[in-house]
Amino acid sequence: MVDVPAAVTRVIEATNAGDGQAFVDAFTDDAYLEDWGRGFTGHEGVGSWNESDNIGRQAHFEVMRVRTEGSGLVVTLQVSGGGFNGVSDFYFEVAGDRVKRMIIRAD
C-alpha cells in the first residue's frame, strides 16, 4: 500500500475534526479543487466548497485504498455525513507540504 502524504492526511484529519481553517490551510494558495465537474480555485474557492459540501455537511472521511497515478495519487475514501454518503476516489497532487490539486471523481 502506498503511504498517504502528510498534506493529504492533513485534509482528511481537518475534515474529520471539523476544522475549516486547517482544511483550507492544507492547500496551496493556487490550489484547484474539483467535485464531480464543479471547479474551485485558491483558498477562497476551497473554503467555499468546504462550507457547502464538506465540513459544512459534517463530512467524515475514512481511507480505504491508496494508489499512485501519474504525478499524483488516488485515495479511495468512504464518505459519510449530511451530504454525499458512499465511496469515492479522490485524486491528489501535492506540492511540498500542501495539496495543489484535489479532484473528486464521479463514478
Protein backbone atom coordinates (compact mmCIF):
# COMPACT_ATOMS: atom_id res chain seq x y z
CA MET A 1 0.00 0.00 0.00
CA VAL A 2 1.21 3.49 -0.83
CA ASP A 3 1.73 5.83 2.11
CA VAL A 4 -0.63 8.79 2.35
CA PRO A 5 1.43 12.02 2.17
CA ALA A 6 1.26 14.32 5.18
CA ALA A 7 -0.51 17.02 3.12
CA VAL A 8 -3.34 14.62 2.25
CA THR A 9 -3.51 13.37 5.83
CA ARG A 10 -3.98 17.00 6.92
CA VAL A 11 -7.01 17.33 4.59
CA ILE A 12 -8.57 14.15 5.97
CA GLU A 13 -7.85 14.97 9.62
CA ALA A 14 -9.13 18.56 9.28
CA THR A 15 -12.34 17.27 7.72
CA ASN A 16 -12.88 14.69 10.43
CA ALA A 17 -12.15 17.26 13.17
CA GLY A 18 -14.50 19.83 11.61
CA ASP A 19 -11.62 22.35 11.43
CA GLY A 20 -12.35 24.55 8.42
CA GLN A 21 -9.26 26.73 8.81
CA ALA A 22 -6.94 23.71 8.97
CA PHE A 23 -8.69 22.28 5.90
CA VAL A 24 -8.11 25.44 3.82
CA ASP A 25 -4.55 25.79 5.15
CA ALA A 26 -3.75 22.28 3.87
CA PHE A 27 -3.99 23.62 0.29
CA THR A 28 -1.60 25.79 -1.72
CA ASP A 29 -2.63 29.39 -2.42
CA ASP A 30 -3.30 28.47 -6.08
CA ALA A 31 -4.93 25.10 -5.38
CA TYR A 32 -7.56 23.62 -7.65
CA LEU A 33 -10.39 21.51 -6.23
CA GLU A 34 -12.91 19.78 -8.47
CA ASP A 35 -16.03 18.00 -7.19
CA TRP A 36 -17.70 15.94 -9.93
CA GLY A 37 -17.05 18.61 -12.55
CA ARG A 38 -17.52 21.72 -10.37
CA GLY A 39 -14.22 23.61 -10.09
CA PHE A 40 -12.95 25.78 -7.22
CA THR A 41 -9.69 27.75 -7.22
CA GLY A 42 -7.44 29.08 -4.48
CA HIS A 43 -8.12 29.33 -0.78
CA GLU A 44 -11.37 31.21 -1.38
CA GLY A 45 -12.72 28.50 -3.67
CA VAL A 46 -11.54 25.67 -1.43
CA GLY A 47 -13.14 27.40 1.57
CA SER A 48 -16.41 27.88 -0.30
CA TRP A 49 -16.55 24.19 -1.27
CA ASN A 50 -15.64 23.20 2.27
CA GLU A 51 -18.55 25.18 3.70
CA SER A 52 -21.12 23.95 1.18
CA ASP A 53 -20.06 20.34 0.63
CA ASN A 54 -17.57 19.15 3.23
CA ILE A 55 -17.26 20.33 6.84
CA GLY A 56 -20.44 22.37 6.34
CA ARG A 57 -22.16 18.99 5.82
CA GLN A 58 -20.34 17.30 8.73
CA ALA A 59 -18.41 15.06 6.32
CA HIS A 60 -16.21 12.29 7.63
CA PHE A 61 -13.51 10.53 5.58
CA GLU A 62 -12.15 7.04 6.08
CA VAL A 63 -9.27 5.83 3.90
CA MET A 64 -9.98 2.56 2.13
CA ARG A 65 -7.21 2.36 -0.50
CA VAL A 66 -4.32 4.41 -1.85
CA ARG A 67 -2.55 4.05 -5.19
CA THR A 68 -0.20 6.15 -7.28
CA GLU A 69 -1.42 7.54 -10.58
CA GLY A 70 0.70 9.71 -12.85
CA SER A 71 2.21 12.54 -10.83
CA GLY A 72 -0.29 12.12 -8.01
CA LEU A 73 -2.19 9.53 -6.07
CA VAL A 74 -5.74 8.30 -5.76
CA VAL A 75 -7.18 7.89 -2.30
CA THR A 76 -10.41 5.90 -2.17
CA LEU A 77 -12.47 7.29 0.70
CA GLN A 78 -15.59 6.15 2.46
CA VAL A 79 -17.50 9.42 2.88
CA SER A 80 -20.29 9.90 5.40
CA GLY A 81 -22.14 12.85 6.86
CA GLY A 82 -25.01 15.15 5.93
CA GLY A 83 -24.18 15.28 2.21
CA PHE A 84 -22.76 12.60 -0.07
CA ASN A 85 -22.52 9.19 1.54
CA GLY A 86 -20.60 6.43 -0.17
CA VAL A 87 -17.25 5.52 -1.66
CA SER A 88 -15.41 7.92 -3.96
CA ASP A 89 -11.95 8.28 -5.48
CA PHE A 90 -10.09 11.49 -4.66
CA TYR A 91 -7.11 12.34 -6.88
CA PHE A 92 -4.42 14.42 -5.15
CA GLU A 93 -1.31 16.23 -6.32
CA VAL A 94 0.96 17.55 -3.59
CA ALA A 95 3.40 20.48 -3.71
CA GLY A 96 5.71 20.50 -0.71
CA ASP A 97 3.60 20.14 2.41
CA ARG A 98 0.31 21.21 0.81
CA VAL A 99 -2.26 19.88 -1.63
CA LYS A 100 -2.14 21.53 -5.07
CA ARG A 101 -4.98 19.57 -6.72
CA MET A 102 -7.85 17.57 -5.29
CA ILE A 103 -10.24 16.08 -7.82
CA ILE A 104 -13.23 14.10 -6.64
CA ARG A 105 -14.17 11.72 -9.39
CA ALA A 106 -17.68 10.83 -10.42
CA ASP A 107 -18.47 7.15 -10.71
